[in-house]
Amino acid sequence: MENQGFCCHKQLFTNGRASPAKIESWRKAQEPRRSSNMHKSSAMTDNTARTKPIINENNTLQEYYHKLESRIGYRLVLGGTRHFGYYERDKYNPFPIGAALQRMEDYLAKTLNLPPGSQVLDAGCGVGHVALHLAKAHSLEIRGIDVVDHHIEKAMRNIEKQGMKARVTAEKMDYHHLEGIASNSLEGVYTMETFVHSTSPETVAREFYRVLKPGGRVALFEYEHSVMSSEPMARVDSWSTINKYSAMPAFDRFTYGSIGSIFTDAGFTNVVTEDITIHVKPMVRFFFVLAYIPYLLVIALGLQKHFVNTMAGVEGWKCRKSIKYVAVSAEKPMEIGSELNSGESRKLK
């Protein structure tokens, strides 16, 4: 079959010469085609721009997760996982740590309380360990998002290695900007010690509300604290350094009950805050023992901002009576009218 463009060119010539009238006629015939192609190209460009995820600039967060202390520490101590383990009772021996980490992930699944096959967002998935466990052990379909490139790369490798590509995904996306996820499309959302990194917790709560289906559930395993002004000034200064250089701006605001209030204001109902501090105490103690000698050296050399995990390991134990580890859960109302109760709901606009 002859190429259509070649045929058109061939018709312009008679005895090797092109007729000016024919050339002009041919040019006019090509204009609609060119215009159509230009529109298609423009549409593709616009569509690409719309689908590109919006990522808030947060250099401190990127630097924290790229530091050797973070990358090596999380890998050696927690196997790459980035959350506390769960213990049924307080004990001095925190081992085996892997089992404690999975118990915490099981407790997360229990708090979400969703049926098998539910579509769930992991907001801050790290290298995918939590998502993979929830998919395998609890039959959930997990969509993981993170803003750190090397987290996403490792998560994708872990997903492929474990043969879970059909049930777990990982992509770069910022939980402040979930425009790439349709409204009312998910049964669940969770954070595992990542909400503390938010620069605008209210924005995140509203986005979680938007993407959840009516009746959908959110679970957040995070830290809250008493008013820090009651602590010795040196300790307050230490926590200020930890919050700044580990990119935890929200932690300053997370006094007792504040996370639940943020989600109530976003329109969620059945908001429950459960204090499970006693169940992480063995690991908090373990981090203190592990970090204490390095901590003394860091203090002596004035290197606090370069070793914030070491600082947090010791200061976390010192503040164990002031800091709580909480499991916050909430539901998106089945009907929008159910938001309007007890004077605790947001104003509808």
C-alpha atoms as a PDB file:
ATOM      1  CA  MET A   1       0.000   0.000   0.000  1.00  0.00           C
ATOM      2  CA  GLU A   2       1.397   3.423  -0.959  1.00  0.00           C
ATOM      3  CA  ASN A   3       2.112   5.988   1.710  1.00  0.00           C
ATOM      4  CA  GLN A   4      -0.648   8.635   1.699  1.00  0.00           C
ATOM      5  CA  GLY A   5       1.807  11.541   1.935  1.00  0.00           C
ATOM      6  CA  PHE A   6       3.844  10.175  -0.982  1.00  0.00           C
ATOM      7  CA  CYS A   7       0.706   9.914  -3.127  1.00  0.00           C
ATOM      8  CA  CYS A   8      -0.230  13.522  -2.381  1.00  0.00           C
ATOM      9  CA  HIS A   9       3.229  14.744  -3.343  1.00  0.00           C
ATOM     10  CA  LYS A  10       3.198  12.701  -6.543  1.00  0.00           C
ATOM     11  CA  GLN A  11      -0.070  14.321  -7.663  1.00  0.00           C
ATOM     12  CA  LEU A  12       1.535  17.786  -7.570  1.00  0.00           C
ATOM     13  CA  PHE A  13       3.817  17.034 -10.468  1.00  0.00           C
ATOM     14  CA  THR A  14       3.097  16.766 -14.158  1.00  0.00           C
ATOM     15  CA  ASN A  15       6.047  15.788 -16.342  1.00  0.00           C
ATOM     16  CA  GLY A  16       8.412  16.575 -13.482  1.00  0.00           C
ATOM     17  CA  ARG A  17       6.978  20.070 -12.925  1.00  0.00           C
ATOM     18  CA  ALA A  18       4.724  21.295 -10.147  1.00  0.00           C
ATOM     19  CA  SER A  19       1.760  23.466 -11.022  1.00  0.00           C
ATOM     20  CA  PRO A  20       1.599  26.601  -8.757  1.00  0.00           C
ATOM     21  CA  ALA A  21      -2.160  26.236  -8.513  1.00  0.00           C
ATOM     22  CA  LYS A  22      -1.824  22.624  -7.431  1.00  0.00           C
ATOM     23  CA  ILE A  23       0.850  23.512  -4.863  1.00  0.00           C
ATOM     24  CA  GLU A  24      -1.375  26.186  -3.311  1.00  0.00           C
ATOM     25  CA  SER A  25      -4.333  23.799  -3.290  1.00  0.00           C
ATOM     26  CA  TRP A  26      -2.208  21.114  -1.588  1.00  0.00           C
ATOM     27  CA  ARG A  27      -1.014  23.562   1.089  1.00  0.00           C
ATOM     28  CA  LYS A  28      -4.568  24.542   1.982  1.00  0.00           C
ATOM     29  CA  ALA A  29      -5.559  20.883   2.223  1.00  0.00           C
ATOM     30  CA  GLN A  30      -2.763  20.251   4.722  1.00  0.00           C
ATOM     31  CA  GLU A  31      -3.690  23.109   7.082  1.00  0.00           C
ATOM     32  CA  PRO A  32      -6.522  21.268   8.932  1.00  0.00           C
ATOM     33  CA  ARG A  33      -4.228  18.265   9.433  1.00  0.00           C
ATOM     34  CA  ARG A  34      -1.422  20.439  10.848  1.00  0.00           C
ATOM     35  CA  SER A  35      -3.852  22.278  13.102  1.00  0.00           C
ATOM     36  CA  SER A  36      -5.253  18.972  14.350  1.00  0.00           C
ATOM     37  CA  ASN A  37      -1.767  17.649  15.117  1.00  0.00           C
ATOM     38  CA  MET A  38      -0.863  20.856  16.956  1.00  0.00           C
ATOM     39  CA  HIS A  39      -3.996  20.596  19.088  1.00  0.00           C
ATOM     40  CA  LYS A  40      -3.242  16.966  19.885  1.00  0.00           C
ATOM     41  CA  SER A  41       0.313  17.835  20.888  1.00  0.00           C
ATOM     42  CA  SER A  42      -0.892  20.717  23.046  1.00  0.00           C
ATOM     43  CA  ALA A  43      -3.501  18.520  24.709  1.00  0.00           C
ATOM     44  CA  MET A  44      -0.896  15.877  25.486  1.00  0.00           C
ATOM     45  CA  THR A  45       1.391  18.515  27.014  1.00  0.00           C
ATOM     46  CA  ASP A  46      -1.424  19.974  29.103  1.00  0.00           C
ATOM     47  CA  ASN A  47      -2.497  16.516  30.256  1.00  0.00           C
ATOM     48  CA  THR A  48       1.076  15.661  31.283  1.00  0.00           C
ATOM     49  CA  ALA A  49       1.294  18.883  33.260  1.00  0.00           C
ATOM     50  CA  ARG A  50      -1.978  18.124  35.014  1.00  0.00           C
ATOM     51  CA  THR A  51      -0.994  14.590  35.973  1.00  0.00           C
ATOM     52  CA  LYS A  52       2.482  15.464  37.265  1.00  0.00           C
ATOM     53  CA  PRO A  53       2.282  15.269  41.074  1.00  0.00           C
ATOM     54  CA  ILE A  54       2.680  18.434  43.101  1.00  0.00           C
ATOM     55  CA  ILE A  55       5.414  17.998  45.700  1.00  0.00           C
ATOM     56  CA  ASN A  56       5.876  20.601  48.414  1.00  0.00           C
ATOM     57  CA  GLU A  57       9.469  21.739  48.654  1.00  0.00           C
ATOM     58  CA  ASN A  58      10.840  20.394  51.933  1.00  0.00           C
ATOM     59  CA  ASN A  59      14.615  20.263  51.821  1.00  0.00           C
ATOM     60  CA  THR A  60      14.927  19.418  55.514  1.00  0.00           C
ATOM     61  CA  LEU A  61      12.816  16.285  55.069  1.00  0.00           C
ATOM     62  CA  GLN A  62      14.840  15.190  52.050  1.00  0.00           C
ATOM     63  CA  GLU A  63      18.108  15.808  53.894  1.00  0.00           C
ATOM     64  CA  TYR A  64      16.925  13.880  56.948  1.00  0.00           C
ATOM     65  CA  TYR A  65      16.077  10.734  54.998  1.00  0.00           C
ATOM     66  CA  HIS A  66      19.265  10.990  52.936  1.00  0.00           C
ATOM     67  CA  LYS A  67      21.567  11.232  55.953  1.00  0.00           C
ATOM     68  CA  LEU A  68      23.760   8.217  56.639  1.00  0.00           C
ATOM     69  CA  GLU A  69      22.524   8.154  60.243  1.00  0.00           C
ATOM     70  CA  SER A  70      18.965   7.666  59.002  1.00  0.00           C
ATOM     71  CA  ARG A  71      19.704   5.278  56.139  1.00  0.00           C
ATOM     72  CA  ILE A  72      22.112   3.056  58.075  1.00  0.00           C
ATOM     73  CA  GLY A  73      20.290   3.317  61.401  1.00  0.00           C
ATOM     74  CA  TYR A  74      16.866   2.355  60.076  1.00  0.00           C
ATOM     75  CA  ARG A  75      18.342  -0.499  58.087  1.00  0.00           C
ATOM     76  CA  LEU A  76      20.537  -1.987  60.835  1.00  0.00           C
ATOM     77  CA  VAL A  77      18.169  -1.535  63.773  1.00  0.00           C
ATOM     78  CA  LEU A  78      14.732  -1.861  62.155  1.00  0.00           C
ATOM     79  CA  GLY A  79      15.486  -3.662  58.896  1.00  0.00           C
ATOM     80  CA  GLY A  80      14.431  -0.621  56.883  1.00  0.00           C
ATOM     81  CA  THR A  81      11.096  -0.203  58.666  1.00  0.00           C
ATOM     82  CA  ARG A  82      10.410   3.224  60.163  1.00  0.00           C
ATOM     83  CA  HIS A  83       8.084   2.759  63.117  1.00  0.00           C
ATOM     84  CA  PHE A  84       7.969   1.450  66.681  1.00  0.00           C
ATOM     85  CA  GLY A  85       7.242  -2.144  67.587  1.00  0.00           C
ATOM     86  CA  TYR A  86       4.277  -3.317  69.672  1.00  0.00           C
ATOM     87  CA  TYR A  87       4.742  -5.314  72.889  1.00  0.00           C
ATOM     88  CA  GLU A  88       1.933  -6.900  74.868  1.00  0.00           C
ATOM     89  CA  ARG A  89       3.616  -5.902  78.134  1.00  0.00           C
ATOM     90  CA  ASP A  90       6.612  -3.913  79.326  1.00  0.00           C
ATOM     91  CA  LYS A  91       9.849  -5.905  79.322  1.00  0.00           C
ATOM     92  CA  TYR A  92      13.569  -5.214  79.188  1.00  0.00           C
ATOM     93  CA  ASN A  93      14.322  -7.506  76.264  1.00  0.00           C
ATOM     94  CA  PRO A  94      12.922  -5.955  73.058  1.00  0.00           C
ATOM     95  CA  PHE A  95      13.903  -8.874  70.826  1.00  0.00           C
ATOM     96  CA  PRO A  96      12.911 -10.180  68.359  1.00  0.00           C
ATOM     97  CA  ILE A  97      12.354  -6.724  66.924  1.00  0.00           C
ATOM     98  CA  GLY A  98      10.932  -7.974  63.620  1.00  0.00           C
ATOM     99  CA  ALA A  99       8.047  -9.695  65.408  1.00  0.00           C
ATOM    100  CA  ALA A 100       7.293  -6.526  67.398  1.00  0.00           C
ATOM    101  CA  LEU A 101       7.210  -4.456  64.203  1.00  0.00           C
ATOM    102  CA  GLN A 102       4.716  -6.819  62.604  1.00  0.00           C
ATOM    103  CA  ARG A 103       2.548  -6.776  65.733  1.00  0.00           C
ATOM    104  CA  MET A 104       2.337  -2.996  65.391  1.00  0.00           C
ATOM    105  CA  GLU A 105       1.335  -3.389  61.748  1.00  0.00           C
ATOM    106  CA  ASP A 106      -1.306  -5.923  62.775  1.00  0.00           C
ATOM    107  CA  TYR A 107      -2.581  -3.430  65.336  1.00  0.00           C
ATOM    108  CA  LEU A 108      -2.799  -0.853  62.561  1.00  0.00           C
ATOM    109  CA  ALA A 109      -4.936  -3.261  60.525  1.00  0.00           C
ATOM    110  CA  LYS A 110      -7.132  -3.860  63.573  1.00  0.00           C
ATOM    111  CA  THR A 111      -7.553  -0.103  64.043  1.00  0.00           C
ATOM    112  CA  LEU A 112      -8.461   0.403  60.375  1.00  0.00           C
ATOM    113  CA  ASN A 113     -11.014  -2.409  60.712  1.00  0.00           C
ATOM    114  CA  LEU A 114     -11.581  -2.860  56.981  1.00  0.00           C
ATOM    115  CA  PRO A 115     -12.705  -5.962  55.070  1.00  0.00           C
ATOM    116  CA  PRO A 116     -10.357  -7.882  52.743  1.00  0.00           C
ATOM    117  CA  GLY A 117      -9.955  -6.285  49.340  1.00  0.00           C
ATOM    118  CA  SER A 118     -10.372  -2.722  50.632  1.00  0.00           C
ATOM    119  CA  GLN A 119      -8.502  -0.018  48.714  1.00  0.00           C
ATOM    120  CA  VAL A 120      -6.179   1.741  51.181  1.00  0.00           C
ATOM    121  CA  LEU A 121      -3.707   4.634  50.913  1.00  0.00           C
ATOM    122  CA  ASP A 122      -0.371   4.386  52.749  1.00  0.00           C
ATOM    123  CA  ALA A 123       0.516   8.076  53.154  1.00  0.00           C
ATOM    124  CA  GLY A 124       4.278   7.950  53.592  1.00  0.00           C
ATOM    125  CA  CYS A 125       5.019   4.367  52.609  1.00  0.00           C
ATOM    126  CA  GLY A 126       8.814   4.445  52.981  1.00  0.00           C
ATOM    127  CA  VAL A 127      10.306   1.307  51.440  1.00  0.00           C
ATOM    128  CA  GLY A 128       6.954  -0.488  51.500  1.00  0.00           C
ATOM    129  CA  HIS A 129       7.288  -2.840  54.473  1.00  0.00           C
ATOM    130  CA  VAL A 130       4.019  -1.859  56.151  1.00  0.00           C
ATOM    131  CA  ALA A 131       2.087  -1.916  52.875  1.00  0.00           C
ATOM    132  CA  LEU A 132       3.408  -5.359  51.994  1.00  0.00           C
ATOM    133  CA  HIS A 133       2.527  -6.812  55.393  1.00  0.00           C
ATOM    134  CA  LEU A 134      -1.017  -5.404  55.298  1.00  0.00           C
ATOM    135  CA  ALA A 135      -1.509  -6.774  51.795  1.00  0.00           C
ATOM    136  CA  LYS A 136      -0.188 -10.242  52.614  1.00  0.00           C
ATOM    137  CA  ALA A 137      -1.487 -10.726  56.149  1.00  0.00           C
ATOM    138  CA  HIS A 138      -4.768  -8.796  55.899  1.00  0.00           C
ATOM    139  CA  SER A 139      -5.637  -8.967  52.175  1.00  0.00           C
ATOM    140  CA  LEU A 140      -5.795  -5.198  51.695  1.00  0.00           C
ATOM    141  CA  GLU A 141      -5.051  -3.444  48.392  1.00  0.00           C
ATOM    142  CA  ILE A 142      -2.432  -0.788  49.183  1.00  0.00           C
ATOM    143  CA  ARG A 143      -1.479   2.307  47.214  1.00  0.00           C
ATOM    144  CA  GLY A 144       1.739   3.657  48.721  1.00  0.00           C
ATOM    145  CA  ILE A 145       2.936   7.221  48.263  1.00  0.00           C
ATOM    146  CA  ASP A 146       6.096   8.992  49.410  1.00  0.00           C
ATOM    147  CA  VAL A 147       8.088  12.102  48.506  1.00  0.00           C
ATOM    148  CA  VAL A 148      11.574  10.614  48.903  1.00  0.00           C
ATOM    149  CA  ASP A 149      12.869   9.160  45.638  1.00  0.00           C
ATOM    150  CA  HIS A 150      15.069   6.438  47.113  1.00  0.00           C
ATOM    151  CA  HIS A 151      12.143   5.267  49.277  1.00  0.00           C
ATOM    152  CA  ILE A 152       9.962   4.809  46.203  1.00  0.00           C
ATOM    153  CA  GLU A 153      12.725   3.036  44.292  1.00  0.00           C
ATOM    154  CA  LYS A 154      13.304   0.561  47.129  1.00  0.00           C
ATOM    155  CA  ALA A 155       9.588   0.100  47.686  1.00  0.00           C
ATOM    156  CA  MET A 156       9.081  -0.824  44.036  1.00  0.00           C
ATOM    157  CA  ARG A 157      11.944  -3.316  44.219  1.00  0.00           C
ATOM    158  CA  ASN A 158      10.529  -4.846  47.401  1.00  0.00           C
ATOM    159  CA  ILE A 159       7.068  -5.121  45.865  1.00  0.00           C
ATOM    160  CA  GLU A 160       8.416  -6.845  42.763  1.00  0.00           C
ATOM    161  CA  LYS A 161      10.709  -9.121  44.767  1.00  0.00           C
ATOM    162  CA  GLN A 162       7.778 -10.349  46.852  1.00  0.00           C
ATOM    163  CA  GLY A 163       5.528 -10.785  43.826  1.00  0.00           C
ATOM    164  CA  MET A 164       2.935  -8.296  45.100  1.00  0.00           C
ATOM    165  CA  LYS A 165       2.628  -5.912  42.137  1.00  0.00           C
ATOM    166  CA  ALA A 166      -1.045  -6.812  41.701  1.00  0.00           C
ATOM    167  CA  ARG A 167      -1.933  -5.703  45.240  1.00  0.00           C
ATOM    168  CA  VAL A 168       0.641  -3.077  46.254  1.00  0.00           C
ATOM    169  CA  THR A 169       1.863  -0.029  44.341  1.00  0.00           C
ATOM    170  CA  ALA A 170       4.284   2.781  45.175  1.00  0.00           C
ATOM    171  CA  GLU A 171       4.528   6.195  43.560  1.00  0.00           C
ATOM    172  CA  LYS A 172       5.832   9.672  44.232  1.00  0.00           C
ATOM    173  CA  MET A 173       3.090  11.854  45.647  1.00  0.00           C
ATOM    174  CA  ASP A 174       2.731  14.378  48.476  1.00  0.00           C
ATOM    175  CA  TYR A 175      -0.075  13.793  50.979  1.00  0.00           C
ATOM    176  CA  HIS A 176      -0.716  17.546  50.997  1.00  0.00           C
ATOM    177  CA  HIS A 177      -1.601  17.225  47.286  1.00  0.00           C
ATOM    178  CA  LEU A 178      -3.654  14.133  46.462  1.00  0.00           C
ATOM    179  CA  GLU A 179      -5.069  15.526  43.221  1.00  0.00           C
ATOM    180  CA  GLY A 180      -3.974  12.337  41.470  1.00  0.00           C
ATOM    181  CA  ILE A 181      -6.495  10.351  43.532  1.00  0.00           C
ATOM    182  CA  ALA A 182     -10.198  10.624  42.767  1.00  0.00           C
ATOM    183  CA  SER A 183     -12.633  11.856  45.396  1.00  0.00           C
ATOM    184  CA  ASN A 184     -14.640   9.177  47.235  1.00  0.00           C
ATOM    185  CA  SER A 185     -12.445   6.389  45.849  1.00  0.00           C
ATOM    186  CA  LEU A 186     -10.766   4.713  48.853  1.00  0.00           C
ATOM    187  CA  GLU A 187     -11.960   2.668  51.809  1.00  0.00           C
ATOM    188  CA  GLY A 188      -9.019   3.543  54.044  1.00  0.00           C
ATOM    189  CA  VAL A 189      -6.033   5.812  54.656  1.00  0.00           C
ATOM    190  CA  TYR A 190      -3.256   5.463  57.208  1.00  0.00           C
ATOM    191  CA  THR A 191      -0.026   7.056  58.369  1.00  0.00           C
ATOM    192  CA  MET A 192       2.622   5.244  60.367  1.00  0.00           C
ATOM    193  CA  GLU A 193       4.640   7.986  62.088  1.00  0.00           C
ATOM    194  CA  THR A 194       4.596  10.199  58.980  1.00  0.00           C
ATOM    195  CA  PHE A 195       1.835  12.714  59.787  1.00  0.00           C
ATOM    196  CA  VAL A 196       4.359  14.365  62.109  1.00  0.00           C
ATOM    197  CA  HIS A 197       6.281  15.512  59.001  1.00  0.00           C
ATOM    198  CA  SER A 198       3.338  17.552  57.719  1.00  0.00           C
ATOM    199  CA  THR A 199       3.767  21.286  57.224  1.00  0.00           C
ATOM    200  CA  SER A 200      -0.028  21.703  57.204  1.00  0.00           C
ATOM    201  CA  PRO A 201      -1.872  18.911  59.079  1.00  0.00           C
ATOM    202  CA  GLU A 202      -5.260  20.514  58.374  1.00  0.00           C
ATOM    203  CA  THR A 203      -4.632  20.346  54.619  1.00  0.00           C
ATOM    204  CA  VAL A 204      -3.693  16.676  54.876  1.00  0.00           C
ATOM    205  CA  ALA A 205      -6.797  15.869  56.935  1.00  0.00           C
ATOM    206  CA  ARG A 206      -9.027  17.553  54.348  1.00  0.00           C
ATOM    207  CA  GLU A 207      -7.352  15.631  51.532  1.00  0.00           C
ATOM    208  CA  PHE A 208      -7.823  12.341  53.399  1.00  0.00           C
ATOM    209  CA  TYR A 209     -11.486  13.238  53.854  1.00  0.00           C
ATOM    210  CA  ARG A 210     -11.899  13.994  50.156  1.00  0.00           C
ATOM    211  CA  VAL A 211     -10.391  10.768  48.815  1.00  0.00           C
ATOM    212  CA  LEU A 212     -12.234   8.494  51.246  1.00  0.00           C
ATOM    213  CA  LYS A 213     -15.589   7.003  50.372  1.00  0.00           C
ATOM    214  CA  PRO A 214     -18.447   7.696  52.792  1.00  0.00           C
ATOM    215  CA  GLY A 215     -17.912   5.255  55.646  1.00  0.00           C
ATOM    216  CA  GLY A 216     -14.173   5.064  54.900  1.00  0.00           C
ATOM    217  CA  ARG A 217     -11.705   4.976  57.772  1.00  0.00           C
ATOM    218  CA  VAL A 218      -8.448   6.688  58.627  1.00  0.00           C
ATOM    219  CA  ALA A 219      -5.840   5.524  61.157  1.00  0.00           C
ATOM    220  CA  LEU A 220      -2.811   7.499  62.305  1.00  0.00           C
ATOM    221  CA  PHE A 221      -0.092   6.086  64.561  1.00  0.00           C
ATOM    222  CA  GLU A 222       1.739   9.179  65.786  1.00  0.00           C
ATOM    223  CA  TYR A 223       3.193  11.055  68.782  1.00  0.00           C
ATOM    224  CA  GLU A 224       1.538  13.607  71.064  1.00  0.00           C
ATOM    225  CA  HIS A 225       2.995  15.406  74.068  1.00  0.00           C
ATOM    226  CA  SER A 226       2.258  17.574  77.075  1.00  0.00           C
ATOM    227  CA  VAL A 227       3.050  21.279  77.016  1.00  0.00           C
ATOM    228  CA  MET A 228       6.839  21.289  76.687  1.00  0.00           C
ATOM    229  CA  SER A 229       7.258  24.477  78.707  1.00  0.00           C
ATOM    230  CA  SER A 230       6.965  22.318  81.824  1.00  0.00           C
ATOM    231  CA  GLU A 231      10.179  20.501  80.876  1.00  0.00           C
ATOM    232  CA  PRO A 232      13.716  21.726  81.757  1.00  0.00           C
ATOM    233  CA  MET A 233      14.948  24.328  79.271  1.00  0.00           C
ATOM    234  CA  ALA A 234      17.821  22.122  78.061  1.00  0.00           C
ATOM    235  CA  ARG A 235      15.312  19.417  77.152  1.00  0.00           C
ATOM    236  CA  VAL A 236      13.070  21.902  75.384  1.00  0.00           C
ATOM    237  CA  ASP A 237      16.061  23.083  73.351  1.00  0.00           C
ATOM    238  CA  SER A 238      16.975  19.484  72.480  1.00  0.00           C
ATOM    239  CA  TRP A 239      13.475  18.770  71.198  1.00  0.00           C
ATOM    240  CA  SER A 240      13.491  21.986  69.211  1.00  0.00           C
ATOM    241  CA  THR A 241      16.651  20.764  67.464  1.00  0.00           C
ATOM    242  CA  ILE A 242      15.183  17.286  66.916  1.00  0.00           C
ATOM    243  CA  ASN A 243      11.956  18.662  65.439  1.00  0.00           C
ATOM    244  CA  LYS A 244      13.801  21.050  63.147  1.00  0.00           C
ATOM    245  CA  TYR A 245      16.385  18.681  61.702  1.00  0.00           C
ATOM    246  CA  SER A 246      14.208  15.576  61.496  1.00  0.00           C
ATOM    247  CA  ALA A 247      11.558  17.633  59.672  1.00  0.00           C
ATOM    248  CA  MET A 248       8.800  17.194  62.264  1.00  0.00           C
ATOM    249  CA  PRO A 249       7.181  20.664  62.303  1.00  0.00           C
ATOM    250  CA  ALA A 250       3.791  19.259  63.282  1.00  0.00           C
ATOM    251  CA  PHE A 251       5.131  17.691  66.477  1.00  0.00           C
ATOM    252  CA  ASP A 252       5.379  21.114  68.117  1.00  0.00           C
ATOM    253  CA  ARG A 253       1.597  21.396  67.717  1.00  0.00           C
ATOM    254  CA  PHE A 254       0.669  17.838  68.632  1.00  0.00           C
ATOM    255  CA  THR A 255      -0.279  18.273  72.262  1.00  0.00           C
ATOM    256  CA  TYR A 256      -2.586  15.686  73.817  1.00  0.00           C
ATOM    257  CA  GLY A 257      -5.758  15.287  71.750  1.00  0.00           C
ATOM    258  CA  SER A 258      -4.758  17.697  68.984  1.00  0.00           C
ATOM    259  CA  ILE A 259      -4.645  15.141  66.153  1.00  0.00           C
ATOM    260  CA  GLY A 260      -8.180  14.015  66.900  1.00  0.00           C
ATOM    261  CA  SER A 261      -9.327  17.641  66.945  1.00  0.00           C
ATOM    262  CA  ILE A 262      -7.789  18.265  63.526  1.00  0.00           C
ATOM    263  CA  PHE A 263      -9.740  15.357  62.049  1.00  0.00           C
ATOM    264  CA  THR A 264     -12.956  16.354  63.792  1.00  0.00           C
ATOM    265  CA  ASP A 265     -12.616  19.825  62.280  1.00  0.00           C
ATOM    266  CA  ALA A 266     -12.051  18.234  58.852  1.00  0.00           C
ATOM    267  CA  GLY A 267     -15.485  16.580  59.086  1.00  0.00           C
ATOM    268  CA  PHE A 268     -14.644  13.117  60.426  1.00  0.00           C
ATOM    269  CA  THR A 269     -16.815  11.423  63.027  1.00  0.00           C
ATOM    270  CA  ASN A 270     -16.274   8.642  65.579  1.00  0.00           C
ATOM    271  CA  VAL A 271     -12.822  10.083  66.288  1.00  0.00           C
ATOM    272  CA  VAL A 272     -10.960   7.951  68.836  1.00  0.00           C
ATOM    273  CA  THR A 273      -7.504   8.569  70.322  1.00  0.00           C
ATOM    274  CA  GLU A 274      -5.994   5.530  72.027  1.00  0.00           C
ATOM    275  CA  ASP A 275      -2.887   5.861  74.177  1.00  0.00           C
ATOM    276  CA  ILE A 276      -0.676   2.825  73.471  1.00  0.00           C
ATOM    277  CA  THR A 277       2.534   4.255  74.942  1.00  0.00           C
ATOM    278  CA  ILE A 278       3.012   1.312  77.301  1.00  0.00           C
ATOM    279  CA  HIS A 279       3.166  -1.005  74.286  1.00  0.00           C
ATOM    280  CA  VAL A 280       6.181   0.785  72.754  1.00  0.00           C
ATOM    281  CA  LYS A 281       8.084   1.284  76.019  1.00  0.00           C
ATOM    282  CA  PRO A 282      10.486  -1.676  75.535  1.00  0.00           C
ATOM    283  CA  MET A 283      11.672  -0.204  72.233  1.00  0.00           C
ATOM    284  CA  VAL A 284      11.912   3.332  73.637  1.00  0.00           C
ATOM    285  CA  ARG A 285      14.143   1.951  76.385  1.00  0.00           C
ATOM    286  CA  PHE A 286      16.194  -0.012  73.849  1.00  0.00           C
ATOM    287  CA  PHE A 287      16.812   3.118  71.763  1.00  0.00           C
ATOM    288  CA  PHE A 288      17.967   4.939  74.904  1.00  0.00           C
ATOM    289  CA  VAL A 289      20.496   2.229  75.771  1.00  0.00           C
ATOM    290  CA  LEU A 290      21.695   2.011  72.162  1.00  0.00           C
ATOM    291  CA  ALA A 291      22.130   5.775  71.752  1.00  0.00           C
ATOM    292  CA  TYR A 292      23.385   6.886  75.171  1.00  0.00           C
ATOM    293  CA  ILE A 293      27.184   6.687  74.638  1.00  0.00           C
ATOM    294  CA  PRO A 294      27.031   8.224  71.129  1.00  0.00           C
ATOM    295  CA  TYR A 295      24.685  10.865  72.579  1.00  0.00           C
ATOM    296  CA  LEU A 296      27.321  11.957  75.103  1.00  0.00           C
ATOM    297  CA  LEU A 297      29.868  12.358  72.306  1.00  0.00           C
ATOM    298  CA  VAL A 298      27.420  14.267  70.130  1.00  0.00           C
ATOM    299  CA  ILE A 299      26.657  16.686  72.972  1.00  0.00           C
ATOM    300  CA  ALA A 300      30.355  17.144  73.780  1.00  0.00           C
ATOM    301  CA  LEU A 301      31.200  17.923  70.160  1.00  0.00           C
ATOM    302  CA  GLY A 302      28.147  20.098  69.517  1.00  0.00           C
ATOM    303  CA  LEU A 303      26.914  17.892  66.663  1.00  0.00           C
ATOM    304  CA  GLN A 304      23.272  17.646  67.724  1.00  0.00           C
ATOM    305  CA  LYS A 305      21.780  18.756  64.405  1.00  0.00           C
ATOM    306  CA  HIS A 306      23.801  16.127  62.525  1.00  0.00           C
ATOM    307  CA  PHE A 307      22.691  13.198  64.720  1.00  0.00           C
ATOM    308  CA  VAL A 308      19.036  13.853  65.480  1.00  0.00           C
ATOM    309  CA  ASN A 309      18.126  10.157  65.706  1.00  0.00           C
ATOM    310  CA  THR A 310      20.761   9.697  68.399  1.00  0.00           C
ATOM    311  CA  MET A 311      19.365  12.738  70.191  1.00  0.00           C
ATOM    312  CA  ALA A 312      15.791  11.459  69.898  1.00  0.00           C
ATOM    313  CA  GLY A 313      16.785   8.033  71.213  1.00  0.00           C
ATOM    314  CA  VAL A 314      17.933   9.529  74.516  1.00  0.00           C
ATOM    315  CA  GLU A 315      15.544  12.467  74.821  1.00  0.00           C
ATOM    316  CA  GLY A 316      12.581  10.232  74.026  1.00  0.00           C
ATOM    317  CA  TRP A 317      13.320   8.136  77.111  1.00  0.00           C
ATOM    318  CA  LYS A 318      13.926  11.201  79.280  1.00  0.00           C
ATOM    319  CA  CYS A 319      10.536  12.581  78.197  1.00  0.00           C
ATOM    320  CA  ARG A 320       8.714   9.255  78.437  1.00  0.00           C
ATOM    321  CA  LYS A 321       6.209  10.717  80.905  1.00  0.00           C
ATOM    322  CA  SER A 322       5.444  13.660  78.624  1.00  0.00           C
ATOM    323  CA  ILE A 323       5.289  12.001  75.193  1.00  0.00           C
ATOM    324  CA  LYS A 324       2.518   9.601  74.251  1.00  0.00           C
ATOM    325  CA  TYR A 325       2.351   7.181  71.358  1.00  0.00           C
ATOM    326  CA  VAL A 326      -1.230   7.292  70.082  1.00  0.00           C
ATOM    327  CA  ALA A 327      -3.431   5.437  67.623  1.00  0.00           C
ATOM    328  CA  VAL A 328      -5.993   7.878  66.229  1.00  0.00           C
ATOM    329  CA  SER A 329      -8.893   6.564  64.158  1.00  0.00           C
ATOM    330  CA  ALA A 330     -11.882   8.241  62.522  1.00  0.00           C
ATOM    331  CA  GLU A 331     -14.585   7.722  59.901  1.00  0.00           C
ATOM    332  CA  LYS A 332     -15.948   9.749  57.033  1.00  0.00           C
ATOM    333  CA  PRO A 333     -19.714  10.063  57.627  1.00  0.00           C
ATOM    334  CA  MET A 334     -22.015   7.889  55.543  1.00  0.00           C
ATOM    335  CA  GLU A 335     -24.240  10.904  54.902  1.00  0.00           C
ATOM    336  CA  ILE A 336     -23.109  14.501  54.769  1.00  0.00           C
ATOM    337  CA  GLY A 337     -25.865  15.491  57.200  1.00  0.00           C
ATOM    338  CA  SER A 338     -24.277  13.387  59.914  1.00  0.00           C
ATOM    339  CA  GLU A 339     -21.384  15.847  60.042  1.00  0.00           C
ATOM    340  CA  LEU A 340     -23.698  18.389  61.633  1.00  0.00           C
ATOM    341  CA  ASN A 341     -23.854  17.170  65.200  1.00  0.00           C
ATOM    342  CA  SER A 342     -22.710  18.188  68.674  1.00  0.00           C
ATOM    343  CA  GLY A 343     -21.338  21.461  67.344  1.00  0.00           C
ATOM    344  CA  GLU A 344     -18.020  19.712  66.663  1.00  0.00           C
ATOM    345  CA  SER A 345     -18.168  19.514  62.897  1.00  0.00           C
ATOM    346  CA  ARG A 346     -16.643  21.812  60.335  1.00  0.00           C
ATOM    347  CA  LYS A 347     -18.772  24.421  58.595  1.00  0.00           C
ATOM    348  CA  LEU A 348     -19.883  23.280  55.174  1.00  0.00           C
ATOM    349  CA  LYS A 349     -19.074  25.670  52.376  1.00  0.00           C
END
